[in-house]
All heavy atoms as atom14 arrays in JSON, in Angstrom:
{
  "sequence": "PDLSYGNEHIGLRYCYRRLTAVFGETASITVQSEQDVG",
  "atom14_mask": [
    [1, 1, 1, 1, 1, 1, 1, 0, 0, 0, 0, 0, 0, 0],
    [1, 1, 1, 1, 1, 1, 1, 1, 0, 0, 0, 0, 0, 0],
    [1, 1, 1, 1, 1, 1, 1, 1, 0, 0, 0, 0, 0, 0],
    [1, 1, 1, 1, 1, 1, 0, 0, 0, 0, 0, 0, 0, 0],
    [1, 1, 1, 1, 1, 1, 1, 1, 1, 1, 1, 1, 0, 0],
    [1, 1, 1, 1, 0, 0, 0, 0, 0, 0, 0, 0, 0, 0],
    [1, 1, 1, 1, 1, 1, 1, 1, 0, 0, 0, 0, 0, 0],
    [1, 1, 1, 1, 1, 1, 1, 1, 1, 0, 0, 0, 0, 0],
    [1, 1, 1, 1, 1, 1, 1, 1, 1, 1, 0, 0, 0, 0],
    [1, 1, 1, 1, 1, 1, 1, 1, 0, 0, 0, 0, 0, 0],
    [1, 1, 1, 1, 0, 0, 0, 0, 0, 0, 0, 0, 0, 0],
    [1, 1, 1, 1, 1, 1, 1, 1, 0, 0, 0, 0, 0, 0],
    [1, 1, 1, 1, 1, 1, 1, 1, 1, 1, 1, 0, 0, 0],
    [1, 1, 1, 1, 1, 1, 1, 1, 1, 1, 1, 1, 0, 0],
    [1, 1, 1, 1, 1, 1, 0, 0, 0, 0, 0, 0, 0, 0],
    [1, 1, 1, 1, 1, 1, 1, 1, 1, 1, 1, 1, 0, 0],
    [1, 1, 1, 1, 1, 1, 1, 1, 1, 1, 1, 0, 0, 0],
    [1, 1, 1, 1, 1, 1, 1, 1, 1, 1, 1, 0, 0, 0],
    [1, 1, 1, 1, 1, 1, 1, 1, 0, 0, 0, 0, 0, 0],
    [1, 1, 1, 1, 1, 1, 1, 0, 0, 0, 0, 0, 0, 0],
    [1, 1, 1, 1, 1, 0, 0, 0, 0, 0, 0, 0, 0, 0],
    [1, 1, 1, 1, 1, 1, 1, 0, 0, 0, 0, 0, 0, 0],
    [1, 1, 1, 1, 1, 1, 1, 1, 1, 1, 1, 0, 0, 0],
    [1, 1, 1, 1, 0, 0, 0, 0, 0, 0, 0, 0, 0, 0],
    [1, 1, 1, 1, 1, 1, 1, 1, 1, 0, 0, 0, 0, 0],
    [1, 1, 1, 1, 1, 1, 1, 0, 0, 0, 0, 0, 0, 0],
    [1, 1, 1, 1, 1, 0, 0, 0, 0, 0, 0, 0, 0, 0],
    [1, 1, 1, 1, 1, 1, 0, 0, 0, 0, 0, 0, 0, 0],
    [1, 1, 1, 1, 1, 1, 1, 1, 0, 0, 0, 0, 0, 0],
    [1, 1, 1, 1, 1, 1, 1, 0, 0, 0, 0, 0, 0, 0],
    [1, 1, 1, 1, 1, 1, 1, 0, 0, 0, 0, 0, 0, 0],
    [1, 1, 1, 1, 1, 1, 1, 1, 1, 0, 0, 0, 0, 0],
    [1, 1, 1, 1, 1, 1, 0, 0, 0, 0, 0, 0, 0, 0],
    [1, 1, 1, 1, 1, 1, 1, 1, 1, 0, 0, 0, 0, 0],
    [1, 1, 1, 1, 1, 1, 1, 1, 1, 0, 0, 0, 0, 0],
    [1, 1, 1, 1, 1, 1, 1, 1, 0, 0, 0, 0, 0, 0],
    [1, 1, 1, 1, 1, 1, 1, 0, 0, 0, 0, 0, 0, 0],
    [1, 1, 1, 1, 0, 0, 0, 0, 0, 0, 0, 0, 0, 0]
  ],
  "atom14_positions": [
    [[-1.45, 11.11, 4.26], [-0.5, 10.28, 5.0], [-0.34, 8.93, 4.31], [-1.23, 8.5, 3.58], [-1.16, 10.09, 6.36], [-2.3, 11.02, 6.42], [-2.61, 11.47, 5.02], [0.0, 0.0, 0.0], [0.0, 0.0, 0.0], [0.0, 0.0, 0.0], [0.0, 0.0, 0.0], [0.0, 0.0, 0.0], [0.0, 0.0, 0.0], [0.0, 0.0, 0.0]],
    [[0.8, 8.29, 4.55], [1.05, 6.99, 3.92], [-0.11, 6.04, 4.19], [-0.55, 5.88, 5.32], [2.34, 6.36, 4.47], [3.57, 7.02, 3.9], [3.46, 7.68, 2.85], [4.64, 6.86, 4.49], [0.0, 0.0, 0.0], [0.0, 0.0, 0.0], [0.0, 0.0, 0.0], [0.0, 0.0, 0.0], [0.0, 0.0, 0.0], [0.0, 0.0, 0.0]],
    [[-0.59, 5.45, 3.14], [-1.64, 4.45, 3.25], [-0.92, 3.11, 3.25], [-0.24, 2.85, 2.45], [-2.58, 4.55, 2.05], [-3.1, 5.95, 1.78], [-3.81, 6.01, 0.43], [-4.06, 6.37, 2.88], [0.0, 0.0, 0.0], [0.0, 0.0, 0.0], [0.0, 0.0, 0.0], [0.0, 0.0, 0.0], [0.0, 0.0, 0.0], [0.0, 0.0, 0.0]],
    [[-1.0, 2.27, 4.07], [-0.27, 1.02, 4.2], [0.18, 0.37, 2.9], [-0.35, -0.64, 2.46], [-1.12, 0.03, 5.01], [-2.33, -0.18, 4.33], [0.0, 0.0, 0.0], [0.0, 0.0, 0.0], [0.0, 0.0, 0.0], [0.0, 0.0, 0.0], [0.0, 0.0, 0.0], [0.0, 0.0, 0.0], [0.0, 0.0, 0.0], [0.0, 0.0, 0.0]],
    [[1.19, 0.97, 2.26], [1.73, 0.43, 1.01], [2.93, -0.48, 1.28], [3.47, -1.06, 0.35], [2.2, 1.55, 0.08], [1.09, 2.4, -0.47], [1.21, 3.78, -0.52], [-0.08, 1.84, -0.94], [0.2, 4.56, -1.03], [-1.1, 2.62, -1.44], [-0.94, 3.98, -1.49], [-1.94, 4.76, -1.98], [0.0, 0.0, 0.0], [0.0, 0.0, 0.0]],
    [[3.37, -0.56, 2.52], [4.55, -1.37, 2.8], [5.75, -0.78, 2.09], [6.0, 0.42, 2.15], [0.0, 0.0, 0.0], [0.0, 0.0, 0.0], [0.0, 0.0, 0.0], [0.0, 0.0, 0.0], [0.0, 0.0, 0.0], [0.0, 0.0, 0.0], [0.0, 0.0, 0.0], [0.0, 0.0, 0.0], [0.0, 0.0, 0.0], [0.0, 0.0, 0.0]],
    [[6.49, -1.62, 1.39], [7.68, -1.16, 0.66], [7.38, -0.8, -0.78], [8.28, -0.48, -1.53], [8.76, -2.23, 0.72], [9.38, -2.33, 2.1], [9.44, -1.36, 2.83], [9.81, -3.52, 2.47], [0.0, 0.0, 0.0], [0.0, 0.0, 0.0], [0.0, 0.0, 0.0], [0.0, 0.0, 0.0], [0.0, 0.0, 0.0], [0.0, 0.0, 0.0]],
    [[6.11, -0.85, -1.18], [5.76, -0.48, -2.55], [6.0, 1.0, -2.8], [5.69, 1.83, -1.96], [4.27, -0.73, -2.81], [3.88, -2.16, -2.97], [2.4, -2.26, -3.29], [1.94, -1.58, -4.22], [1.72, -3.01, -2.57], [0.0, 0.0, 0.0], [0.0, 0.0, 0.0], [0.0, 0.0, 0.0], [0.0, 0.0, 0.0], [0.0, 0.0, 0.0]],
    [[6.56, 1.31, -3.92], [6.72, 2.71, -4.38], [7.47, 3.59, -3.38], [7.22, 4.78, -3.29], [5.35, 3.33, -4.7], [4.52, 2.51, -5.61], [4.86, 2.33, -6.94], [3.39, 1.81, -5.4], [3.95, 1.56, -7.51], [3.06, 1.22, -6.6], [0.0, 0.0, 0.0], [0.0, 0.0, 0.0], [0.0, 0.0, 0.0], [0.0, 0.0, 0.0]],
    [[8.4, 3.01, -2.65], [9.12, 3.78, -1.63], [9.9, 4.93, -2.25], [9.96, 6.02, -1.68], [10.0, 2.86, -0.78], [10.4, 3.56, 0.51], [11.21, 2.36, -1.54], [10.94, 2.64, 1.57], [0.0, 0.0, 0.0], [0.0, 0.0, 0.0], [0.0, 0.0, 0.0], [0.0, 0.0, 0.0], [0.0, 0.0, 0.0], [0.0, 0.0, 0.0]],
    [[10.44, 4.73, -3.43], [11.18, 5.79, -4.11], [10.29, 6.97, -4.47], [10.66, 8.13, -4.3], [0.0, 0.0, 0.0], [0.0, 0.0, 0.0], [0.0, 0.0, 0.0], [0.0, 0.0, 0.0], [0.0, 0.0, 0.0], [0.0, 0.0, 0.0], [0.0, 0.0, 0.0], [0.0, 0.0, 0.0], [0.0, 0.0, 0.0], [0.0, 0.0, 0.0]],
    [[9.09, 6.69, -4.97], [8.14, 7.76, -5.3], [7.72, 8.53, -4.06], [7.66, 9.76, -4.06], [6.9, 7.19, -5.98], [7.09, 6.58, -7.36], [5.77, 6.0, -7.87], [7.64, 7.59, -8.35], [0.0, 0.0, 0.0], [0.0, 0.0, 0.0], [0.0, 0.0, 0.0], [0.0, 0.0, 0.0], [0.0, 0.0, 0.0], [0.0, 0.0, 0.0]],
    [[7.44, 7.81, -2.97], [7.04, 8.47, -1.72], [8.16, 9.36, -1.2], [7.92, 10.49, -0.78], [6.66, 7.42, -0.67], [5.36, 6.74, -0.98], [4.84, 5.96, 0.21], [5.85, 5.22, 0.93], [5.86, 3.91, 1.1], [4.9, 3.18, 0.6], [6.8, 3.32, 1.77], [0.0, 0.0, 0.0], [0.0, 0.0, 0.0], [0.0, 0.0, 0.0]],
    [[9.4, 8.87, -1.19], [10.51, 9.66, -0.68], [10.78, 10.87, -1.56], [11.1, 11.95, -1.05], [11.77, 8.82, -0.51], [11.72, 7.9, 0.67], [12.62, 6.85, 0.8], [10.8, 8.07, 1.7], [12.58, 6.0, 1.9], [10.75, 7.23, 2.79], [11.65, 6.21, 2.88], [11.62, 5.36, 3.97], [0.0, 0.0, 0.0], [0.0, 0.0, 0.0]],
    [[10.66, 10.74, -2.87], [10.84, 11.89, -3.76], [9.82, 12.97, -3.44], [10.16, 14.15, -3.33], [10.7, 11.47, -5.22], [12.1, 10.59, -5.87], [0.0, 0.0, 0.0], [0.0, 0.0, 0.0], [0.0, 0.0, 0.0], [0.0, 0.0, 0.0], [0.0, 0.0, 0.0], [0.0, 0.0, 0.0], [0.0, 0.0, 0.0], [0.0, 0.0, 0.0]],
    [[8.58, 12.58, -3.27], [7.53, 13.55, -2.95], [7.79, 14.2, -1.58], [7.69, 15.41, -1.45], [6.15, 12.88, -2.97], [5.05, 13.83, -2.6], [4.65, 14.82, -3.5], [4.46, 13.8, -1.36], [3.65, 15.72, -3.17], [3.45, 14.69, -1.02], [3.06, 15.65, -1.92], [2.09, 16.55, -1.58], [0.0, 0.0, 0.0], [0.0, 0.0, 0.0]],
    [[8.15, 13.4, -0.59], [8.42, 13.95, 0.74], [9.57, 14.94, 0.71], [9.5, 16.01, 1.34], [8.76, 12.83, 1.72], [7.59, 12.05, 2.19], [8.07, 11.07, 3.22], [7.03, 10.16, 3.62], [7.25, 9.05, 4.29], [8.47, 8.71, 4.65], [6.25, 8.27, 4.63], [0.0, 0.0, 0.0], [0.0, 0.0, 0.0], [0.0, 0.0, 0.0]],
    [[10.64, 14.62, 0.01], [11.79, 15.51, -0.06], [11.45, 16.79, -0.8], [11.85, 17.88, -0.4], [12.96, 14.81, -0.72], [13.59, 13.77, 0.16], [14.71, 13.06, -0.5], [15.24, 12.04, 0.39], [15.96, 11.02, 0.01], [16.22, 10.85, -1.28], [16.41, 10.14, 0.87], [0.0, 0.0, 0.0], [0.0, 0.0, 0.0], [0.0, 0.0, 0.0]],
    [[10.71, 16.66, -1.88], [10.32, 17.84, -2.65], [9.52, 18.8, -1.78], [9.81, 20.0, -1.73], [9.49, 17.42, -3.86], [9.01, 18.53, -4.78], [10.19, 19.13, -5.54], [7.97, 18.01, -5.75], [0.0, 0.0, 0.0], [0.0, 0.0, 0.0], [0.0, 0.0, 0.0], [0.0, 0.0, 0.0], [0.0, 0.0, 0.0], [0.0, 0.0, 0.0]],
    [[8.53, 18.3, -1.06], [7.71, 19.19, -0.23], [8.44, 19.64, 1.03], [8.16, 20.73, 1.52], [6.37, 18.51, 0.14], [6.62, 17.27, 0.79], [5.51, 18.3, -1.1], [0.0, 0.0, 0.0], [0.0, 0.0, 0.0], [0.0, 0.0, 0.0], [0.0, 0.0, 0.0], [0.0, 0.0, 0.0], [0.0, 0.0, 0.0], [0.0, 0.0, 0.0]],
    [[9.4, 18.86, 1.52], [10.18, 19.3, 2.68], [11.07, 20.48, 2.31], [11.24, 21.42, 3.09], [11.02, 18.15, 3.22], [0.0, 0.0, 0.0], [0.0, 0.0, 0.0], [0.0, 0.0, 0.0], [0.0, 0.0, 0.0], [0.0, 0.0, 0.0], [0.0, 0.0, 0.0], [0.0, 0.0, 0.0], [0.0, 0.0, 0.0], [0.0, 0.0, 0.0]],
    [[11.64, 20.46, 1.12], [12.55, 21.52, 0.69], [11.8, 22.73, 0.14], [12.12, 23.86, 0.47], [13.55, 20.99, -0.36], [14.38, 22.11, -0.96], [14.46, 19.93, 0.25], [0.0, 0.0, 0.0], [0.0, 0.0, 0.0], [0.0, 0.0, 0.0], [0.0, 0.0, 0.0], [0.0, 0.0, 0.0], [0.0, 0.0, 0.0], [0.0, 0.0, 0.0]],
    [[10.78, 22.5, -0.69], [10.11, 23.6, -1.39], [8.75, 23.95, -0.82], [8.1, 24.87, -1.3], [9.97, 23.27, -2.88], [11.29, 23.21, -3.59], [11.88, 21.99, -3.86], [11.95, 24.36, -3.97], [13.1, 21.93, -4.52], [13.17, 24.31, -4.61], [13.75, 23.08, -4.88], [0.0, 0.0, 0.0], [0.0, 0.0, 0.0], [0.0, 0.0, 0.0]],
    [[8.27, 23.21, 0.16], [6.99, 23.51, 0.77], [5.84, 22.84, 0.06], [5.99, 22.15, -0.95], [0.0, 0.0, 0.0], [0.0, 0.0, 0.0], [0.0, 0.0, 0.0], [0.0, 0.0, 0.0], [0.0, 0.0, 0.0], [0.0, 0.0, 0.0], [0.0, 0.0, 0.0], [0.0, 0.0, 0.0], [0.0, 0.0, 0.0], [0.0, 0.0, 0.0]],
    [[4.66, 23.07, 0.58], [3.45, 22.41, 0.09], [3.02, 22.89, -1.3], [2.14, 22.28, -1.91], [2.31, 22.58, 1.1], [2.56, 21.87, 2.41], [2.76, 20.36, 2.25], [2.02, 19.72, 1.47], [3.66, 19.83, 2.91], [0.0, 0.0, 0.0], [0.0, 0.0, 0.0], [0.0, 0.0, 0.0], [0.0, 0.0, 0.0], [0.0, 0.0, 0.0]],
    [[3.6, 23.98, -1.81], [3.23, 24.41, -3.14], [3.94, 23.6, -4.23], [3.54, 23.66, -5.38], [3.5, 25.91, -3.37], [4.88, 26.16, -3.18], [2.66, 26.76, -2.44], [0.0, 0.0, 0.0], [0.0, 0.0, 0.0], [0.0, 0.0, 0.0], [0.0, 0.0, 0.0], [0.0, 0.0, 0.0], [0.0, 0.0, 0.0], [0.0, 0.0, 0.0]],
    [[4.98, 22.86, -3.85], [5.65, 21.97, -4.8], [4.72, 20.8, -5.08], [3.93, 20.42, -4.24], [6.98, 21.49, -4.23], [0.0, 0.0, 0.0], [0.0, 0.0, 0.0], [0.0, 0.0, 0.0], [0.0, 0.0, 0.0], [0.0, 0.0, 0.0], [0.0, 0.0, 0.0], [0.0, 0.0, 0.0], [0.0, 0.0, 0.0], [0.0, 0.0, 0.0]],
    [[4.84, 20.23, -6.29], [3.94, 19.13, -6.6], [4.54, 18.18, -7.62], [5.43, 18.54, -8.39], [2.62, 19.68, -7.15], [2.83, 20.35, -8.36], [0.0, 0.0, 0.0], [0.0, 0.0, 0.0], [0.0, 0.0, 0.0], [0.0, 0.0, 0.0], [0.0, 0.0, 0.0], [0.0, 0.0, 0.0], [0.0, 0.0, 0.0], [0.0, 0.0, 0.0]],
    [[4.03, 16.97, -7.58], [4.31, 15.96, -8.61], [2.95, 15.44, -9.05], [2.14, 15.02, -8.22], [5.16, 14.79, -8.09], [6.5, 15.28, -7.55], [5.38, 13.77, -9.2], [7.35, 14.2, -6.9], [0.0, 0.0, 0.0], [0.0, 0.0, 0.0], [0.0, 0.0, 0.0], [0.0, 0.0, 0.0], [0.0, 0.0, 0.0], [0.0, 0.0, 0.0]],
    [[2.69, 15.49, -10.33], [1.44, 14.95, -10.86], [1.77, 13.91, -11.92], [2.86, 13.92, -12.51], [0.53, 16.04, -11.47], [1.26, 16.72, -12.49], [0.09, 17.03, -10.42], [0.0, 0.0, 0.0], [0.0, 0.0, 0.0], [0.0, 0.0, 0.0], [0.0, 0.0, 0.0], [0.0, 0.0, 0.0], [0.0, 0.0, 0.0], [0.0, 0.0, 0.0]],
    [[0.83, 13.02, -12.16], [1.05, 11.97, -13.16], [-0.2, 11.83, -14.02], [-1.32, 11.9, -13.53], [1.44, 10.63, -12.51], [0.35, 10.14, -11.57], [1.78, 9.57, -13.55], [0.0, 0.0, 0.0], [0.0, 0.0, 0.0], [0.0, 0.0, 0.0], [0.0, 0.0, 0.0], [0.0, 0.0, 0.0], [0.0, 0.0, 0.0], [0.0, 0.0, 0.0]],
    [[0.05, 11.69, -15.32], [-1.01, 11.38, -16.27], [-0.54, 10.17, -17.06], [0.64, 10.07, -17.4], [-1.25, 12.55, -17.21], [-1.81, 13.76, -16.51], [-2.14, 14.88, -17.49], [-2.03, 14.74, -18.69], [-2.54, 16.01, -16.95], [0.0, 0.0, 0.0], [0.0, 0.0, 0.0], [0.0, 0.0, 0.0], [0.0, 0.0, 0.0], [0.0, 0.0, 0.0]],
    [[-1.45, 9.27, -17.35], [-1.08, 8.08, -18.08], [-2.28, 7.51, -18.81], [-3.41, 7.63, -18.34], [-0.52, 7.03, -17.12], [-0.02, 5.91, -17.84], [0.0, 0.0, 0.0], [0.0, 0.0, 0.0], [0.0, 0.0, 0.0], [0.0, 0.0, 0.0], [0.0, 0.0, 0.0], [0.0, 0.0, 0.0], [0.0, 0.0, 0.0], [0.0, 0.0, 0.0]],
    [[-2.01, 6.96, -19.96], [-3.04, 6.27, -20.73], [-2.44, 4.95, -21.2], [-1.33, 4.92, -21.76], [-3.46, 7.12, -21.92], [-4.64, 6.57, -22.65], [-5.12, 7.5, -23.77], [-4.84, 8.71, -23.71], [-5.78, 6.98, -24.67], [0.0, 0.0, 0.0], [0.0, 0.0, 0.0], [0.0, 0.0, 0.0], [0.0, 0.0, 0.0], [0.0, 0.0, 0.0]],
    [[-3.16, 3.88, -20.94], [-2.67, 2.57, -21.3], [-2.42, 2.49, -22.8], [-3.2, 2.99, -23.61], [-3.65, 1.49, -20.87], [-2.96, 0.25, -20.41], [-3.87, -0.66, -19.6], [-5.03, -0.39, -19.39], [-3.3, -1.74, -19.12], [0.0, 0.0, 0.0], [0.0, 0.0, 0.0], [0.0, 0.0, 0.0], [0.0, 0.0, 0.0], [0.0, 0.0, 0.0]],
    [[-1.28, 1.9, -23.17], [-0.83, 1.74, -24.55], [-0.48, 3.06, -25.25], [-0.32, 3.09, -26.46], [-1.86, 0.96, -25.39], [-2.11, -0.44, -24.84], [-1.13, -1.08, -24.4], [-3.26, -0.87, -24.8], [0.0, 0.0, 0.0], [0.0, 0.0, 0.0], [0.0, 0.0, 0.0], [0.0, 0.0, 0.0], [0.0, 0.0, 0.0], [0.0, 0.0, 0.0]],
    [[-0.41, 4.15, -24.48], [-0.04, 5.45, -25.06], [1.21, 6.0, -24.38], [2.13, 6.45, -25.04], [-1.2, 6.46, -24.96], [-0.77, 7.83, -25.44], [-2.4, 5.96, -25.74], [0.0, 0.0, 0.0], [0.0, 0.0, 0.0], [0.0, 0.0, 0.0], [0.0, 0.0, 0.0], [0.0, 0.0, 0.0], [0.0, 0.0, 0.0], [0.0, 0.0, 0.0]],
    [[1.25, 5.98, -23.04], [2.42, 6.48, -22.34], [2.06, 7.13, -21.02], [0.9, 7.17, -20.62], [0.0, 0.0, 0.0], [0.0, 0.0, 0.0], [0.0, 0.0, 0.0], [0.0, 0.0, 0.0], [0.0, 0.0, 0.0], [0.0, 0.0, 0.0], [0.0, 0.0, 0.0], [0.0, 0.0, 0.0], [0.0, 0.0, 0.0], [0.0, 0.0, 0.0]]
  ]
}
């Protein structure tokens, strides 16, 4: 559930909610990142 982020990252949250609302809980978004790499 939303952790008190306020208006931070609202676009990311809505994208995830819409994805799972349309395609179900098997849909996913994952992120990998390394500083100074990408």
